[in-house]
Protein backbone atom coordinates (compact mmCIF):
# COMPACT_ATOMS: atom_id res chain seq x y z
CA MET A 1 0.04 0.04 -0.02
CA ARG A 2 1.03 3.57 -0.32
CA LYS A 3 -0.19 6.98 0.93
CA VAL A 4 -1.72 9.32 -1.87
CA HIS A 5 -2.99 12.86 -1.87
CA ILE A 6 -6.80 12.60 -2.12
CA ASP A 7 -6.72 14.63 -5.29
CA LYS A 8 -4.52 11.98 -6.93
CA VAL A 9 -6.89 9.10 -5.90
CA GLU A 10 -8.41 7.26 -8.88
CA PRO A 11 -11.88 6.19 -8.62
CA TRP A 12 -12.38 2.63 -7.80
CA SER A 13 -8.86 2.22 -6.14
CA LYS A 14 -8.71 -0.04 -3.30
CA LEU A 15 -8.59 1.57 0.08
CA GLY A 16 -5.55 0.46 2.07
CA LYS A 17 -6.16 1.68 5.58
CA THR A 18 -9.46 2.12 7.43
CA ILE A 19 -10.21 5.83 7.80
CA PHE A 20 -11.86 7.26 10.95
CA SER A 21 -13.86 10.44 11.45
CA SER A 22 -12.82 12.96 13.98
CA ASP A 23 -15.15 11.43 16.58
CA GLY A 24 -13.75 7.93 16.04
CA ARG A 25 -16.41 6.37 13.83
CA ILE A 26 -15.31 4.49 10.65
CA LEU A 27 -15.88 6.34 7.55
CA LEU A 28 -14.45 3.88 5.04
CA GLN A 29 -13.19 0.44 5.87
CA ALA A 30 -9.90 -0.90 4.48
CA GLY A 31 -10.39 -3.01 1.22
CA VAL A 32 -13.62 -0.83 -0.11
CA ARG A 33 -13.27 0.38 -3.67
CA LEU A 34 -13.17 4.07 -3.73
CA LYS A 35 -16.14 5.48 -5.44
CA LYS A 36 -16.02 9.17 -6.52
CA SER A 37 -18.79 9.86 -3.86
CA TYR A 38 -16.78 8.40 -1.33
CA ILE A 39 -13.69 10.47 -2.37
CA ASP A 40 -15.92 13.61 -2.16
CA LYS A 41 -17.25 12.59 1.30
CA LEU A 42 -13.52 12.28 2.56
CA LYS A 43 -12.78 15.75 1.14
CA CYS A 44 -15.80 17.07 3.14
CA HIS A 45 -14.17 15.79 6.41
CA ASN A 46 -10.85 17.67 5.37
CA ILE A 47 -9.03 14.41 4.99
CA ALA A 48 -6.19 15.25 2.48
CA GLU A 49 -4.43 11.85 2.33
CA LEU A 50 -5.18 8.24 2.33
CA TYR A 51 -3.69 4.76 1.53
CA VAL A 52 -4.36 2.71 -1.49
CA GLU A 53 -3.44 -0.58 -2.66
CA ASP A 54 -2.38 -1.07 -6.08
CA ASP A 55 0.30 -3.02 -8.24
CA ILE A 56 2.88 -0.15 -7.56
CA SER A 57 2.97 -0.86 -3.85
CA GLU A 58 1.96 -4.46 -3.74
CA GLY A 59 3.40 -6.32 -0.91
CA ILE A 60 4.39 -3.21 0.96
CA GLU A 61 2.70 -3.16 4.43
CA VAL A 62 2.77 0.13 6.15
CA ARG A 63 2.21 -0.24 10.06
CA ASP A 64 2.02 2.36 12.68
CA VAL A 65 4.10 1.92 15.67
CA VAL A 66 0.70 1.92 17.63
CA CYS A 67 -2.42 0.03 16.37
CA ASP A 68 -5.61 2.01 15.14
CA GLU A 69 -7.63 0.94 18.36
CA THR A 70 -4.95 2.35 20.75
CA ARG A 71 -4.73 5.58 18.54
CA GLN A 72 -8.38 6.17 18.30
CA GLU A 73 -8.90 5.36 22.14
CA ALA A 74 -6.08 7.82 22.91
CA LYS A 75 -7.62 10.45 20.84
CA SER A 76 -11.05 9.96 22.43
CA ILE A 77 -9.56 10.11 25.79
CA ILE A 78 -7.51 13.41 25.19
CA LYS A 79 -10.68 14.94 23.86
CA ASP A 80 -12.52 13.91 27.07
CA VAL A 81 -9.85 15.24 29.19
CA LEU A 82 -9.77 18.69 27.35
CA LYS A 83 -13.58 18.91 27.39
CA THR A 84 -13.67 18.03 31.07
CA TYR A 85 -11.04 20.53 31.91
CA VAL A 86 -13.09 23.30 29.93
CA LEU A 87 -16.27 22.41 31.88
CA SER A 88 -14.92 21.80 35.37
CA ASN A 89 -11.43 23.22 35.35
CA SER A 90 -10.25 19.67 36.55
CA ILE A 91 -8.08 17.16 34.72
CA ASN A 92 -8.55 13.41 35.04
CA ILE A 93 -4.98 12.23 34.88
CA GLU A 94 -6.00 8.70 35.70
CA HIS A 95 -7.94 8.60 32.44
CA ALA A 96 -4.85 10.17 30.39
CA MET A 97 -2.64 7.63 31.85
CA GLY A 98 -4.58 4.79 30.57
CA ALA A 99 -4.05 6.10 27.14
CA VAL A 100 -0.33 6.47 27.85
CA ASP A 101 0.04 2.86 29.24
CA LYS A 102 -1.47 1.51 26.12
CA ILE A 103 0.75 3.47 23.80
CA ILE A 104 3.70 2.38 25.75
CA ASP A 105 2.77 -1.25 25.44
CA ASP A 106 2.14 -1.13 21.71
CA ILE A 107 5.52 0.60 21.25
CA LEU A 108 7.43 -2.00 23.38
CA ALA A 109 5.71 -4.78 21.38
CA HIS A 110 7.93 -3.63 18.61
CA LYS A 111 11.20 -5.41 18.89
CA ASP A 112 12.79 -3.07 16.29
CA ILE A 113 11.23 0.31 16.62
CA LEU A 114 11.25 2.55 13.45
CA VAL A 115 8.59 4.96 13.42
CA ASN A 116 6.58 5.33 10.28
CA LEU A 117 3.81 7.72 11.55
CA THR A 118 0.87 6.41 9.19
CA ASP A 119 -2.10 8.47 10.78
CA ILE A 120 -4.39 10.09 8.28
CA LYS A 121 -4.28 13.74 9.79
CA SER A 122 -7.08 16.11 9.55
CA VAL A 123 -6.52 19.80 9.91
CA ASP A 124 -9.50 20.00 12.03
CA ASP A 125 -8.36 17.45 14.43
CA TYR A 126 -4.61 18.76 14.61
CA THR A 127 -4.46 19.30 18.38
CA PHE A 128 -5.54 15.87 19.37
CA GLU A 129 -3.48 13.93 16.73
CA HIS A 130 -0.43 16.04 17.46
CA SER A 131 -0.67 15.18 21.19
CA ILE A 132 -0.76 11.58 20.37
CA ASN A 133 2.16 11.79 17.87
CA VAL A 134 4.30 13.86 20.47
CA CYS A 135 3.54 11.20 23.08
CA ILE A 136 4.46 8.51 20.84
CA LEU A 137 7.71 9.92 19.46
CA SER A 138 8.68 11.07 23.14
CA VAL A 139 8.31 7.67 24.32
CA VAL A 140 10.23 6.09 21.36
CA THR A 141 13.12 8.61 22.21
CA GLY A 142 12.89 7.92 25.81
CA ILE A 143 13.18 4.14 25.15
CA GLY A 144 16.46 4.88 23.13
CA LEU A 145 17.82 6.86 26.09
CA GLY A 146 17.38 3.97 28.46
CA LEU A 147 14.64 5.50 30.55
CA SER A 148 13.02 3.24 33.17
CA MET A 149 9.33 2.39 32.83
CA PRO A 150 8.19 4.67 35.62
CA ARG A 151 10.27 7.67 33.93
CA LEU A 152 8.67 6.43 30.50
CA LYS A 153 5.20 6.78 31.80
CA GLU A 154 5.97 10.35 33.50
CA LEU A 155 7.32 11.33 30.09
CA GLY A 156 4.52 9.85 28.11
CA LEU A 157 1.91 11.54 30.26
CA GLY A 158 3.69 14.89 30.14
CA ALA A 159 3.90 14.74 26.45
CA LEU A 160 0.25 13.62 25.80
CA LEU A 161 -0.97 16.66 27.73
CA HIS A 162 1.98 19.04 26.63
CA ASP A 163 -0.52 21.52 24.77
CA ILE A 164 -3.50 21.50 27.42
CA GLY A 165 -2.65 25.15 27.99
CA LYS A 166 -3.79 26.08 24.45
CA ILE A 167 -7.30 25.53 25.81
CA LYS A 168 -7.11 29.21 27.10
CA ILE A 169 -5.87 30.55 23.85
CA PRO A 170 -8.58 32.15 21.50
CA GLU A 171 -9.38 30.09 18.51
CA GLU A 172 -8.95 33.00 16.28
CA ILE A 173 -5.39 33.22 17.11
CA LEU A 174 -4.54 29.50 17.17
CA LYS A 175 -6.00 29.09 13.71
CA LYS A 176 -5.04 32.49 12.22
CA PRO A 177 -3.92 31.70 8.60
CA SER A 178 -1.69 34.80 8.33
CA VAL A 179 1.28 36.07 10.26
CA LEU A 180 0.73 36.73 14.06
CA THR A 181 1.03 40.14 15.58
CA ALA A 182 3.56 40.43 18.29
CA ASP A 183 0.83 40.58 20.97
CA GLU A 184 -1.01 37.51 19.38
CA PHE A 185 2.53 35.56 19.49
CA ASP A 186 2.86 36.71 22.91
CA GLU A 187 -0.51 35.22 23.87
CA ILE A 188 0.46 31.83 22.20
CA LYS A 189 3.59 31.64 24.21
CA ARG A 190 1.73 32.05 27.39
CA HIS A 191 0.10 28.41 26.62
CA THR A 192 3.15 26.78 28.34
CA VAL A 193 2.45 28.73 31.40
CA TYR A 194 -1.39 28.04 31.37
CA GLY A 195 -0.73 24.36 30.77
CA TYR A 196 1.66 23.98 33.66
CA GLU A 197 -0.41 25.98 36.18
CA ALA A 198 -3.47 23.74 35.03
CA LEU A 199 -1.44 20.53 35.61
CA LYS A 200 0.00 21.46 39.06
CA LYS A 201 -3.42 22.55 40.41
CA ASN A 202 -4.93 19.18 39.55
CA GLY A 203 -2.32 17.18 41.66
CA ASN A 204 -1.83 13.56 40.92
CA ILE A 205 0.90 14.57 38.27
CA SER A 206 4.61 14.64 38.88
CA ALA A 207 6.49 17.73 38.54
CA PRO A 208 8.62 16.28 35.75
CA SER A 209 5.42 15.52 33.78
CA ALA A 210 4.06 19.04 34.20
CA MET A 211 7.52 20.47 33.34
CA VAL A 212 7.03 19.03 29.77
CA SER A 213 4.20 21.53 29.34
CA PHE A 214 6.04 24.39 30.73
CA ALA A 215 9.28 24.03 29.04
CA HIS A 216 8.72 22.25 25.82
CA HIS A 217 9.44 25.28 23.90
CA GLU A 218 12.69 26.27 25.65
CA ARG A 219 15.76 25.75 23.57
CA LEU A 220 19.33 24.57 24.31
CA ASN A 221 20.78 28.17 23.41
CA GLY A 222 18.28 30.32 25.49
CA SER A 223 16.19 31.61 22.51
CA GLY A 224 13.09 29.74 23.55
CA TYR A 225 10.06 30.55 25.93
CA PRO A 226 8.75 31.21 28.46
CA LEU A 227 11.94 31.72 30.54
CA GLN A 228 14.69 31.57 27.99
CA ILE A 229 16.54 29.14 30.12
CA LYS A 230 19.14 27.18 28.43
CA GLY A 231 21.47 24.12 28.53
CA GLU A 232 21.19 21.77 31.66
CA SER A 233 18.54 24.05 33.31
CA ILE A 234 16.06 22.71 30.86
CA HIS A 235 14.57 19.25 32.11
CA GLN A 236 15.39 16.23 30.03
CA PHE A 237 11.73 15.51 29.45
CA ALA A 238 11.06 18.92 27.85
CA LYS A 239 14.13 18.37 25.83
CA ILE A 240 12.75 15.01 24.49
CA ALA A 241 9.30 16.84 23.83
CA ALA A 242 10.80 19.85 22.09
CA VAL A 243 12.23 17.52 19.36
CA ALA A 244 8.97 15.52 19.08
CA ASP A 245 6.85 18.56 19.01
CA VAL A 246 8.62 20.29 16.31
CA TYR A 247 9.17 17.28 14.11
CA ASP A 248 5.28 16.23 14.24
CA ALA A 249 4.31 19.93 13.75
CA LEU A 250 6.66 20.16 10.58
CA THR A 251 5.19 16.99 9.03
CA SER A 252 1.76 18.20 9.43
CA ASP A 253 -0.60 20.42 7.19
CA ARG A 254 -1.67 23.48 9.36
CA VAL A 255 -3.98 26.23 8.25
CA TYR A 256 -1.15 28.72 7.56
CA ARG A 257 1.29 26.37 5.83
CA SER A 258 1.75 22.79 4.04
CA LYS A 259 3.65 20.13 5.72
CA LEU A 260 7.21 19.21 5.07
CA HIS A 261 8.32 15.70 4.06
CA PRO A 262 9.82 13.68 6.92
CA TYR A 263 13.27 13.90 5.38
CA ALA A 264 13.13 17.82 5.36
CA ALA A 265 11.94 17.60 9.09
CA TYR A 266 14.88 15.10 9.78
CA GLU A 267 17.33 17.37 8.37
CA TYR A 268 15.97 20.53 10.30
CA VAL A 269 16.06 18.50 13.66
CA THR A 270 19.62 17.16 13.12
CA SER A 271 20.86 20.48 11.92
CA MET A 272 19.58 22.20 15.28
CA ALA A 273 21.36 19.71 17.49
CA ASN A 274 23.66 21.48 20.19
CA HIS A 275 21.75 24.73 19.12
CA TYR A 276 17.97 24.41 19.71
CA PHE A 277 17.95 20.80 20.65
CA ASP A 278 20.08 18.50 22.94
CA GLN A 279 22.55 16.35 20.95
CA GLU A 280 21.89 13.21 22.91
CA VAL A 281 18.18 13.38 22.34
CA VAL A 282 18.47 14.20 18.68
CA ASP A 283 20.74 10.92 18.33
CA SER A 284 18.30 8.95 20.19
CA PHE A 285 15.37 10.50 18.07
CA VAL A 286 16.71 9.98 14.60
CA LYS A 287 17.76 6.43 15.22
CA HIS A 288 14.01 5.46 15.55
CA ILE A 289 12.53 7.54 12.78
CA ALA A 290 12.01 6.55 9.10
CA VAL A 291 13.62 9.23 7.18
CA TYR A 292 11.99 8.20 4.02
CA PRO A 293 8.86 6.28 5.15
CA LEU A 294 7.41 3.23 3.63
CA SER A 295 5.75 3.73 0.11
CA SER A 296 6.99 7.34 -0.11
CA GLY A 297 8.09 8.50 -3.69
CA VAL A 298 11.72 9.45 -4.26
CA VAL A 299 14.00 10.41 -7.15
CA LEU A 300 17.50 8.79 -7.31
CA ASN A 301 20.68 10.67 -8.47
CA THR A 302 20.30 8.34 -11.62
CA GLY A 303 17.00 9.98 -12.57
CA GLU A 304 14.87 7.03 -11.81
CA LYS A 305 11.85 7.39 -9.73
CA GLY A 306 10.30 4.75 -7.25
CA ILE A 307 8.89 4.05 -3.87
CA VAL A 308 10.38 2.97 -0.67
CA ALA A 309 9.89 -0.56 -0.23
CA LYS A 310 11.93 -1.40 2.90
CA THR A 311 13.87 0.74 5.42
CA ASN A 312 17.33 0.34 6.54
CA LYS A 313 17.46 0.98 10.24
CA ASN A 314 21.22 1.21 10.36
CA MET A 315 21.53 3.41 7.09
CA PRO A 316 18.26 5.44 7.31
CA THR A 317 19.07 7.58 4.31
CA LYS A 318 19.80 4.44 2.13
CA PRO A 319 16.41 2.48 2.08
CA VAL A 320 15.48 -0.26 -0.46
CA VAL A 321 13.58 1.55 -3.28
CA ARG A 322 11.18 -0.27 -5.92
CA ILE A 323 11.98 1.54 -9.23
CA ILE A 324 9.00 2.42 -11.03
CA TYR A 325 10.20 4.92 -13.77
CA ASP A 326 13.41 4.81 -15.59
CA ALA A 327 15.88 7.63 -15.93
CA GLU A 328 13.89 8.94 -19.08
CA GLY A 329 10.41 8.96 -17.24
CA LYS A 330 9.07 5.65 -18.78
CA LYS A 331 6.95 3.67 -16.58
CA LEU A 332 8.60 0.12 -16.26
CA SER A 333 6.54 -2.96 -17.16
CA ASN A 334 8.48 -4.94 -14.54
CA TYR A 335 9.45 -3.14 -11.49
CA TYR A 336 12.47 -4.06 -9.40
CA GLU A 337 13.95 -3.20 -5.96
CA LEU A 338 17.42 -1.44 -5.34
CA ASP A 339 19.07 -1.82 -2.00
CA LEU A 340 20.85 1.71 -1.78
CA ALA A 341 22.84 0.44 1.18
CA LYS A 342 24.45 -1.95 -1.28
CA GLN A 343 24.67 0.66 -4.07
CA LEU A 344 27.00 3.22 -2.50
CA ASN A 345 27.06 5.34 -5.75
CA VAL A 346 23.26 5.45 -5.80
CA ALA A 347 21.54 7.95 -3.55
CA ILE A 348 18.06 9.80 -3.16
CA ALA A 349 18.24 13.10 -4.82
CA GLY A 350 14.78 14.26 -3.77
CA VAL A 351 10.97 13.14 -3.11
CA CYS A 352 8.12 13.05 -5.50
CA GLU A 353 4.59 11.89 -6.13
CA ILE A 354 4.44 8.64 -7.84
């Protein structure tokens, strides 16, 4: 299967992954043939991408590091937690912890963790999906750093609730499609303090977990907010969540900009190590991220085009590529796979739609 922009989907294509609505209902089940009316319905739900199964991607199975059931349950829980906070100014920490436990269990069930975030994101549900992904990415990074189970749970809880303070930010600022004014950006920055205060008032949450909300926008060189602290003054959990937060934000469509390809977000994160981000955290993070996710389209320095068929964990920029088009742009009648880890003179030159 492979991910395709909804505008590129051919009617009667076979759906590769089940698609859920924002409230967790199944919109379309995997395996269904996509009528034009179905595609139009998905567009109404602001779904921009989906997975299809075709001859190009035959045999490529794209799995999320957490199962659909866990992701949907976590999404429902985080929505309930935020709704309860709005109505009663209280946070059900135990409820949120249940979601974190299931996420950690799913991640630990993978012997060789390499994250291909496969969720189909909707701009409308960005806040909830982002919270789940930051939790997943933070936990994976924490595992790489050797954190104990109690520490992983603290980290995961803090990451899941890291943006809870945005509840107090006006929607017109959060979803403004144009450049923020200085006053609006100052208000956005206050979400870190709002979130920290909300978590500390509710008890039943450790100081390190709450610190994720407070300090995930601090930067190693002191250029972050809210306190412009730097270096070792920033809590380890906040350093981890900072990388996860930026990576997921960059690879998500927003109202004010289009998403970056994972390789571009990867390059940004690695380039900012020892400047914005902690080097040890970045090293752990990138070891567990698919630079070129399965089924993504790539262009080789030979001019050939194809899709990523397998990832090489030890050489993340050198995956196995299924060649679909030759150097002249002609579609091949027989596709073949090229392991770039064994072809040192062949490299990925860019990404493309296939």
